[in-house]
Protein backbone atom coordinates (compact mmCIF):
# COMPACT_ATOMS: atom_id res chain seq x y z
CA MET A 1 -0.09 0.01 0.14
CA THR A 2 1.34 3.62 -1.17
CA ALA A 3 1.39 6.03 1.39
CA PHE A 4 -1.01 8.46 -0.34
CA THR A 5 -4.42 7.37 -1.23
CA LYS A 6 -6.36 10.27 -0.42
CA ALA A 7 -4.21 13.29 -1.40
CA ARG A 8 -3.75 14.32 -4.91
CA VAL A 9 -0.52 13.00 -6.42
CA ILE A 10 0.75 14.96 -9.34
CA SER A 11 3.28 13.73 -12.23
CA SER A 12 3.26 10.05 -13.01
CA SER A 13 7.34 10.16 -11.91
CA LEU A 14 6.62 9.86 -8.57
CA GLY A 15 5.10 6.30 -8.98
CA SER A 16 8.56 5.00 -8.47
CA VAL A 17 8.89 6.67 -4.92
CA PHE A 18 6.02 5.24 -3.14
CA SER A 19 7.85 2.49 -1.77
CA GLU A 20 7.41 0.51 1.18
CA GLY A 21 10.00 3.38 2.89
CA ILE A 22 7.25 6.19 2.34
CA SER A 23 4.80 4.94 4.18
CA SER A 24 5.99 6.61 7.61
CA PHE A 25 4.77 9.74 5.83
CA SER A 26 0.95 8.95 5.61
CA ARG A 27 0.36 11.24 8.31
CA PHE A 28 0.33 13.83 5.50
CA ASP A 29 -2.58 12.11 3.38
CA SER A 30 -5.74 13.73 3.34
CA PRO A 31 -7.70 14.65 0.14
CA GLU A 32 -7.31 18.78 0.90
CA TYR A 33 -3.28 18.32 -0.05
CA LEU A 34 -1.23 17.94 -3.40
CA VAL A 35 1.53 15.80 -3.40
CA LEU A 36 4.22 17.06 -5.97
CA PRO A 37 7.66 15.83 -7.13
CA GLY A 38 10.69 17.54 -5.79
CA PHE A 39 11.09 20.92 -7.58
CA CYS A 40 14.46 21.46 -9.44
CA ASP A 41 16.29 25.02 -9.88
CA VAL A 42 18.68 25.03 -12.31
CA HIS A 43 19.75 28.55 -11.14
CA VAL A 44 20.63 29.78 -7.41
CA HIS A 45 23.08 31.72 -5.62
CA PHE A 46 23.81 30.26 -1.96
CA ARG A 47 26.73 32.57 -1.93
CA GLU A 48 29.06 30.25 0.07
CA PRO A 49 32.36 30.07 -0.10
CA GLY A 50 33.21 34.23 -0.26
CA PHE A 51 29.88 35.60 0.76
CA SER A 52 28.46 34.00 3.73
CA TYR A 53 26.95 37.05 4.98
CA LYS A 54 24.71 36.99 2.32
CA GLU A 55 23.92 33.19 2.50
CA THR A 56 25.06 29.84 3.31
CA ILE A 57 24.65 26.39 1.67
CA TYR A 58 22.97 25.52 5.02
CA SER A 59 20.50 28.17 4.86
CA GLY A 60 20.25 28.20 1.01
CA SER A 61 19.07 24.63 1.22
CA GLN A 62 16.49 25.12 4.06
CA ALA A 63 14.79 27.67 1.96
CA ALA A 64 14.38 25.48 -0.97
CA ALA A 65 13.50 23.00 1.16
CA ARG A 66 11.12 24.91 2.52
CA GLY A 67 9.88 25.80 -0.89
CA GLY A 68 9.42 22.19 -2.06
CA TYR A 69 13.01 21.95 -3.58
CA THR A 70 14.96 18.73 -3.19
CA ALA A 71 17.49 19.69 -6.12
CA VAL A 72 19.28 23.05 -6.92
CA CYS A 73 22.39 24.23 -8.99
CA THR A 74 24.35 26.63 -7.59
CA MET A 75 26.13 29.41 -9.42
CA PRO A 76 29.51 30.00 -9.56
CA ASN A 77 30.06 33.87 -8.58
CA LEU A 78 31.72 32.86 -5.57
CA ASN A 79 35.34 33.60 -3.76
CA PRO A 80 37.33 31.72 -4.98
CA VAL A 81 35.48 31.05 -8.13
CA PRO A 82 35.09 27.49 -8.98
CA ASP A 83 37.54 27.56 -11.98
CA SER A 84 39.85 24.58 -10.51
CA ILE A 85 39.37 21.41 -8.71
CA GLU A 86 41.37 23.04 -5.69
CA HIS A 87 38.46 26.05 -5.70
CA LEU A 88 35.53 23.37 -6.09
CA ARG A 89 36.75 21.40 -3.34
CA ILE A 90 36.21 24.23 -1.00
CA GLN A 91 32.39 24.18 -2.45
CA GLU A 92 31.97 20.66 -2.10
CA GLU A 93 33.25 20.30 1.45
CA ALA A 94 30.37 23.58 2.40
CA ILE A 95 27.92 21.38 0.59
CA ARG A 96 28.62 18.15 2.32
CA ALA A 97 28.55 19.97 5.72
CA GLY A 98 25.40 22.22 5.41
CA ALA A 99 23.08 20.97 2.34
CA CYS A 100 19.94 19.12 3.59
CA ILE A 101 19.10 18.76 -0.64
CA HIS A 102 20.97 18.04 -3.30
CA VAL A 103 23.20 20.78 -4.46
CA TYR A 104 25.08 20.36 -7.52
CA PRO A 105 27.58 23.17 -8.44
CA TYR A 106 28.59 24.67 -11.65
CA GLY A 107 32.05 25.31 -12.69
CA ALA A 108 32.90 28.63 -13.95
CA ILE A 109 33.55 28.78 -17.93
CA SER A 110 36.50 31.14 -17.56
CA VAL A 111 39.23 31.78 -15.03
CA GLY A 112 37.74 34.05 -12.24
CA GLU A 113 35.02 34.84 -14.57
CA LYS A 114 36.89 37.17 -16.09
CA GLY A 115 36.75 36.15 -19.71
CA GLU A 116 39.99 36.32 -20.29
CA ALA A 117 41.35 32.41 -20.37
CA LEU A 118 39.30 29.37 -20.35
CA ALA A 119 38.96 27.51 -16.54
CA ASP A 120 40.31 23.83 -16.20
CA LEU A 121 37.26 22.40 -17.93
CA ASP A 122 38.58 19.06 -18.26
CA ASP A 123 39.07 18.54 -14.83
CA LEU A 124 35.86 20.17 -13.63
CA ALA A 125 33.31 18.64 -15.98
CA PRO A 126 33.03 15.01 -14.15
CA ARG A 127 32.12 17.16 -10.51
CA VAL A 128 29.93 20.03 -12.07
CA ILE A 129 26.46 20.26 -13.29
CA GLY A 130 27.73 22.22 -16.20
CA PHE A 131 29.65 25.60 -17.16
CA SER A 132 28.50 29.17 -16.36
CA ASP A 133 30.14 32.72 -15.63
CA ASP A 134 26.81 33.30 -14.38
CA GLY A 135 26.64 37.12 -13.30
CA ARG A 136 28.18 38.20 -16.41
CA GLY A 137 28.32 37.47 -20.08
CA VAL A 138 31.38 36.33 -21.71
CA GLN A 139 32.48 39.36 -23.82
CA ARG A 140 34.90 37.89 -26.20
CA ASP A 141 33.19 35.65 -29.50
CA ALA A 142 36.36 33.44 -29.17
CA MET A 143 36.19 32.51 -25.85
CA MET A 144 32.57 31.22 -26.41
CA LEU A 145 33.49 29.42 -29.28
CA GLU A 146 35.93 27.65 -27.34
CA ALA A 147 34.27 27.14 -24.32
CA MET A 148 31.34 25.79 -26.22
CA LEU A 149 33.88 23.17 -28.23
CA ARG A 150 35.30 22.10 -25.18
CA ALA A 151 32.07 21.58 -23.44
CA LYS A 152 30.63 19.70 -26.23
CA SER A 153 33.66 17.30 -26.21
CA LEU A 154 33.00 16.65 -22.64
CA GLY A 155 29.01 16.20 -22.40
CA ARG A 156 28.29 19.44 -20.32
CA ILE A 157 25.95 22.40 -20.82
CA ILE A 158 26.94 25.95 -21.33
CA ALA A 159 24.45 27.83 -19.08
CA ALA A 160 25.11 31.56 -20.12
CA HIS A 161 24.24 35.03 -18.47
CA CYS A 162 23.63 36.86 -21.73
CA GLU A 163 24.87 40.62 -21.47
CA ASP A 164 26.64 42.71 -23.86
CA ASN A 165 28.76 45.22 -21.32
CA SER A 166 28.77 47.99 -24.46
CA LEU A 167 25.35 48.13 -24.54
CA LEU A 168 24.72 48.59 -20.43
CA ARG A 169 26.02 52.30 -20.15
CA GLY A 170 25.13 52.40 -16.58
CA GLY A 171 21.82 51.28 -16.42
CA TYR A 172 20.07 49.48 -13.46
CA ILE A 173 16.37 48.92 -14.45
CA HIS A 174 14.84 48.58 -17.83
CA ASP A 175 15.21 51.16 -20.11
CA GLY A 176 11.28 51.72 -20.32
CA ALA A 177 8.49 53.75 -19.24
CA TYR A 178 9.22 53.50 -15.31
CA ALA A 179 12.94 54.52 -16.29
CA ALA A 180 11.86 57.15 -18.38
CA ALA A 181 9.22 58.95 -15.90
CA HIS A 182 11.19 58.55 -12.85
CA GLY A 183 14.64 59.68 -14.31
CA HIS A 184 16.33 56.31 -13.79
CA ARG A 185 19.21 54.90 -16.23
CA GLY A 186 17.66 51.94 -18.09
CA ILE A 187 19.49 48.72 -19.35
CA CYS A 188 17.92 48.03 -22.94
CA SER A 189 16.78 44.67 -24.09
CA GLU A 190 19.82 44.37 -27.07
CA SER A 191 21.95 44.26 -24.46
CA GLU A 192 20.37 40.82 -23.50
CA TYR A 193 19.40 39.66 -27.07
CA ARG A 194 22.05 40.60 -28.89
CA GLN A 195 24.46 37.91 -27.11
CA ILE A 196 21.72 35.65 -26.97
CA ALA A 197 21.63 35.72 -31.15
CA ARG A 198 25.90 35.44 -30.83
CA ASP A 199 25.73 32.46 -29.16
CA LEU A 200 23.01 30.61 -31.26
CA GLU A 201 25.09 31.21 -33.95
CA LEU A 202 27.82 29.57 -32.30
CA VAL A 203 25.96 26.62 -30.97
CA ALA A 204 24.73 26.20 -34.68
CA LYS A 205 28.43 25.98 -35.67
CA THR A 206 29.86 23.45 -32.50
CA GLY A 207 26.51 21.49 -31.34
CA CYS A 208 27.24 22.44 -28.11
CA ALA A 209 24.39 21.96 -25.75
CA TYR A 210 23.51 25.51 -24.41
CA HIS A 211 20.94 26.72 -21.96
CA VAL A 212 19.94 30.44 -21.77
CA CYS A 213 19.76 32.21 -17.97
CA HIS A 214 17.03 34.45 -16.92
CA VAL A 215 15.48 35.38 -20.10
CA SER A 216 13.47 38.65 -19.81
CA ALA A 217 13.11 40.39 -23.41
CA LYS A 218 10.40 39.48 -26.03
CA GLU A 219 13.29 39.33 -28.43
CA SER A 220 15.16 36.75 -26.73
CA VAL A 221 12.00 34.40 -26.77
CA GLU A 222 11.68 34.80 -30.68
CA LEU A 223 15.35 34.19 -31.01
CA ILE A 224 14.74 31.16 -29.12
CA ARG A 225 11.73 29.74 -30.73
CA GLN A 226 13.72 30.17 -33.91
CA ALA A 227 16.64 28.66 -33.00
CA LYS A 228 14.33 25.57 -31.63
CA LYS A 229 12.60 25.28 -35.26
CA SER A 230 16.45 24.79 -36.65
CA HIS A 231 16.76 21.87 -34.23
CA LEU A 232 19.71 23.12 -32.25
CA ASP A 233 20.41 22.16 -28.67
CA VAL A 234 19.06 24.84 -27.05
CA THR A 235 16.75 25.48 -24.11
CA CYS A 236 15.91 27.98 -21.78
CA GLU A 237 14.66 29.42 -18.27
CA THR A 238 13.05 32.70 -17.49
CA GLY A 239 11.97 33.33 -13.52
CA PRO A 240 9.05 33.57 -11.68
CA HIS A 241 9.22 37.51 -11.40
CA TYR A 242 9.45 38.29 -14.92
CA LEU A 243 6.01 36.09 -15.46
CA VAL A 244 3.84 37.91 -13.21
CA MET A 245 5.19 41.28 -12.80
CA ASP A 246 7.35 44.39 -15.51
CA ASP A 247 8.38 48.00 -15.10
CA SER A 248 4.88 48.82 -14.37
CA PHE A 249 5.19 47.28 -10.70
CA LEU A 250 8.50 49.22 -10.15
CA GLN A 251 8.73 50.80 -6.68
CA GLU A 252 11.77 53.13 -5.55
CA ASP A 253 12.70 50.14 -3.21
CA GLY A 254 15.88 47.83 -3.68
CA ARG A 255 13.72 44.93 -3.36
CA PHE A 256 12.58 45.52 -7.11
CA LYS A 257 16.30 45.56 -8.30
CA MET A 258 17.50 42.28 -10.43
CA ASN A 259 19.59 41.50 -13.54
CA PRO A 260 18.21 41.35 -15.96
CA PRO A 261 15.56 44.11 -14.73
CA LEU A 262 11.68 43.70 -14.96
CA ARG A 263 10.74 44.77 -18.53
CA SER A 264 7.73 46.13 -20.10
CA PRO A 265 4.03 44.81 -20.24
CA GLU A 266 4.92 43.44 -23.67
CA ASP A 267 7.78 41.50 -22.76
CA ARG A 268 5.93 39.95 -20.05
CA GLU A 269 3.40 38.80 -22.23
CA ALA A 270 5.83 37.45 -24.83
CA LEU A 271 7.37 35.54 -21.83
CA MET A 272 3.93 34.01 -21.07
CA GLU A 273 3.53 32.61 -24.36
CA GLY A 274 6.86 31.16 -24.57
CA ILE A 275 6.01 29.18 -21.56
CA LEU A 276 2.52 27.93 -23.04
CA ASP A 277 4.08 27.22 -26.46
CA GLY A 278 7.05 25.50 -25.14
CA THR A 279 9.87 27.88 -26.12
CA ILE A 280 10.68 28.28 -22.50
CA ASP A 281 11.50 24.88 -20.98
CA ILE A 282 12.39 25.71 -17.37
CA ILE A 283 11.25 28.32 -14.31
CA ALA A 284 13.96 28.84 -12.10
CA THR A 285 14.35 31.37 -9.35
CA ASP A 286 17.74 33.01 -9.80
CA HIS A 287 17.52 33.19 -6.02
CA ALA A 288 20.26 36.06 -5.19
CA PRO A 289 20.40 37.00 -1.57
CA HIS A 290 22.20 40.07 -0.27
CA SER A 291 22.57 41.67 3.30
CA ARG A 292 19.51 43.97 4.26
CA GLU A 293 22.07 46.93 3.85
CA GLU A 294 22.99 46.29 0.43
CA LYS A 295 18.89 46.15 -0.67
CA SER A 296 18.76 49.37 1.25
CA ARG A 297 19.98 51.80 -1.20
CA GLY A 298 17.16 52.25 -3.77
CA LEU A 299 16.92 51.27 -7.24
CA GLU A 300 20.29 52.89 -8.19
CA LYS A 301 22.43 51.79 -5.59
CA SER A 302 20.80 48.86 -4.09
CA ALA A 303 23.01 45.39 -5.22
CA PHE A 304 21.28 43.47 -8.16
CA GLY A 305 19.17 40.18 -6.89
CA VAL A 306 16.32 38.88 -5.29
CA VAL A 307 15.28 35.83 -3.25
CA GLY A 308 12.88 33.37 -4.79
CA LEU A 309 12.80 29.81 -3.45
CA GLU A 310 10.36 30.33 -0.70
CA THR A 311 7.88 32.12 -3.06
CA ALA A 312 8.28 30.19 -6.81
CA PHE A 313 5.44 27.81 -6.25
CA PRO A 314 3.14 29.73 -4.29
CA ILE A 315 3.22 32.68 -6.63
CA LEU A 316 3.05 30.58 -9.54
CA TYR A 317 0.03 28.82 -8.59
CA THR A 318 -1.76 31.62 -7.43
CA CYS A 319 -1.07 33.99 -10.58
CA LEU A 320 -1.21 31.29 -13.20
CA VAL A 321 -2.87 28.03 -12.05
CA LYS A 322 -5.66 29.62 -9.86
CA PRO A 323 -6.59 31.88 -12.77
CA GLY A 324 -6.54 28.87 -15.24
CA VAL A 325 -3.79 30.67 -17.46
CA LEU A 326 -1.16 27.53 -16.64
CA SER A 327 -2.28 23.67 -15.79
CA LEU A 328 -1.01 22.60 -12.71
CA GLU A 329 0.92 19.63 -14.70
CA LYS A 330 2.30 22.25 -16.68
CA LEU A 331 3.65 23.99 -14.00
CA VAL A 332 5.12 21.10 -12.16
CA ALA A 333 6.86 20.08 -15.40
CA LEU A 334 8.51 23.42 -15.80
CA LEU A 335 9.87 23.30 -12.02
CA CYS A 336 10.91 19.62 -11.96
CA ASP A 337 10.58 17.72 -15.04
CA THR A 338 11.99 19.49 -17.69
CA PRO A 339 15.05 20.87 -15.76
CA ARG A 340 15.83 17.34 -14.22
CA LYS A 341 15.94 15.73 -18.01
CA ARG A 342 17.89 18.72 -19.30
CA PHE A 343 20.67 18.67 -16.64
CA GLY A 344 20.37 14.86 -15.84
CA ILE A 345 19.28 15.19 -12.31
CA PRO A 346 17.64 12.22 -11.12
CA LEU A 347 14.13 12.51 -8.84
CA GLY A 348 14.58 9.56 -6.56
CA GLN A 349 12.71 9.38 -3.62
CA ASP A 350 11.83 13.18 -3.53
CA PHE A 351 8.48 15.16 -3.17
CA SER A 352 7.07 17.58 -1.27
CA VAL A 353 3.58 18.11 0.27
CA TRP A 354 1.45 21.35 -0.33
CA ASP A 355 -2.15 22.78 1.05
CA VAL A 356 -2.97 25.02 -1.60
CA ASN A 357 -6.27 25.94 -0.05
CA ALA A 358 -3.98 27.82 2.63
CA CYS A 359 -3.86 31.79 2.09
CA TYR A 360 -1.72 33.99 3.40
CA THR A 361 0.72 37.15 2.94
CA VAL A 362 4.04 36.82 1.66
CA ASP A 363 6.55 38.12 5.00
CA PRO A 364 10.13 37.90 4.44
CA ALA A 365 10.49 37.60 8.29
CA ASP A 366 8.97 34.20 7.98
CA PHE A 367 11.88 33.30 4.97
CA LYS A 368 14.53 30.09 5.83
CA SER A 369 16.73 32.55 3.59
CA THR A 370 18.79 35.12 5.37
CA GLY A 371 18.10 37.07 2.56
CA LYS A 372 15.01 38.69 2.69
CA ALA A 373 14.56 41.36 -0.28
CA SER A 374 11.51 39.96 -2.16
CA PRO A 375 9.52 41.50 -4.54
CA PHE A 376 6.59 39.92 -3.52
CA THR A 377 6.57 41.07 0.41
CA GLY A 378 3.03 42.04 0.80
CA TRP A 379 1.24 39.68 -2.11
CA GLN A 380 -1.69 37.28 -0.53
CA VAL A 381 -1.13 33.81 -2.26
CA TYR A 382 -2.33 30.45 -1.56
CA GLY A 383 0.15 27.29 -1.13
CA THR A 384 1.82 26.18 2.21
CA CYS A 385 4.64 23.62 1.88
CA LEU A 386 3.41 21.11 4.88
CA ALA A 387 6.45 18.86 4.40
CA THR A 388 9.50 18.15 1.81
CA VAL A 389 11.13 14.93 1.34
CA CYS A 390 14.70 14.23 -0.10
CA GLY A 391 16.16 10.89 -0.31
CA GLY A 392 13.29 9.36 1.63
CA ARG A 393 13.88 11.64 4.48
CA LEU A 394 12.11 14.49 5.73
CA VAL A 395 14.27 17.58 5.36
CA TYR A 396 11.12 20.30 5.85
CA GLU A 397 8.08 20.11 7.92
CA SER A 398 5.63 22.97 8.42
CA GLY A 399 6.11 24.59 11.72
CA GLY A 400 9.81 23.17 12.11
CA LYS A 401 12.94 23.88 10.45
CA ALA A 402 14.62 22.12 7.52
CA ASN A 403 16.75 19.06 8.99
CA GLY A 404 20.58 18.66 7.83
């Protein structure tokens, strides 16, 4: 007999989870609850090593567990940057000591993420989920071509932060209506889609497996749509905030500042079309915590980045599933099935239990994450995670803390 006979179980991939060992979680079995496969976020920043005052592997993985995530991929803009086995080992030790869920590190594309010399990709490949210089775009065409060729030979994905520095011009929010009305310097959409266009040309030459991080612009969506029609090995992600917010939501507060920025309503519509037609494969949070002081300097001077692991499913369920814009099954595929398939991350005995009838107001004071800067503060949402199980172990239970 399985543990869940009354609760609604979403995703056929959970069939193998319900073995004899899972019966101890039957206390969560109720017709009012949903059982969902463990979510997988392929784009998070846990800040350790080097910036533990912002977040640690411990606090970040607790936040993930509270959000129903059982696997995350950590970006390499750390200190030291994981551009060699010696540097990667420091992060691996922190993961072993502090993670309550599965944490898969990226290796850097270039040494120090400086875009000048290729990192030690050959040695890193067996121990990383892919290669990225997230936080900055690879500016030199020759460097990206070399990286793609090497990644192709090693069977690893290039996950690209696409940003042409020559087009930034000191901007810090979208170059749109809000920036014009309030005297802010804008970041143009071209800074994103021009580099995507370049990379897609290189993918066509190399056959590299290529993943576009945090897509935000309508032109980017169309470029990726056409690349898929040409059968290039390309996937992409966008974040919850880009799907439910645009620059009309901006306030003079650092919790609305992220990179890429919230763009126009037309961009948001294009992203939603991309979700519905399959152009956009994955929803990833780009969970990027900072200290309270770093996010208290307004739009111009605050650090880029917002937190998202603990609000992703409630926000998307409330704004997209409940109104009928997106099916629950499709949302689960975007949060779990597709990212796991693309990056080769197994599900195993990983699931979460949700009360989607529970309504509450988002309050960062309740977050497990050290970072508290959320653009969704004060939003009323549906969906409370009651429990998360990773590898057959209870790692989070509502009212308690995540277990190591």
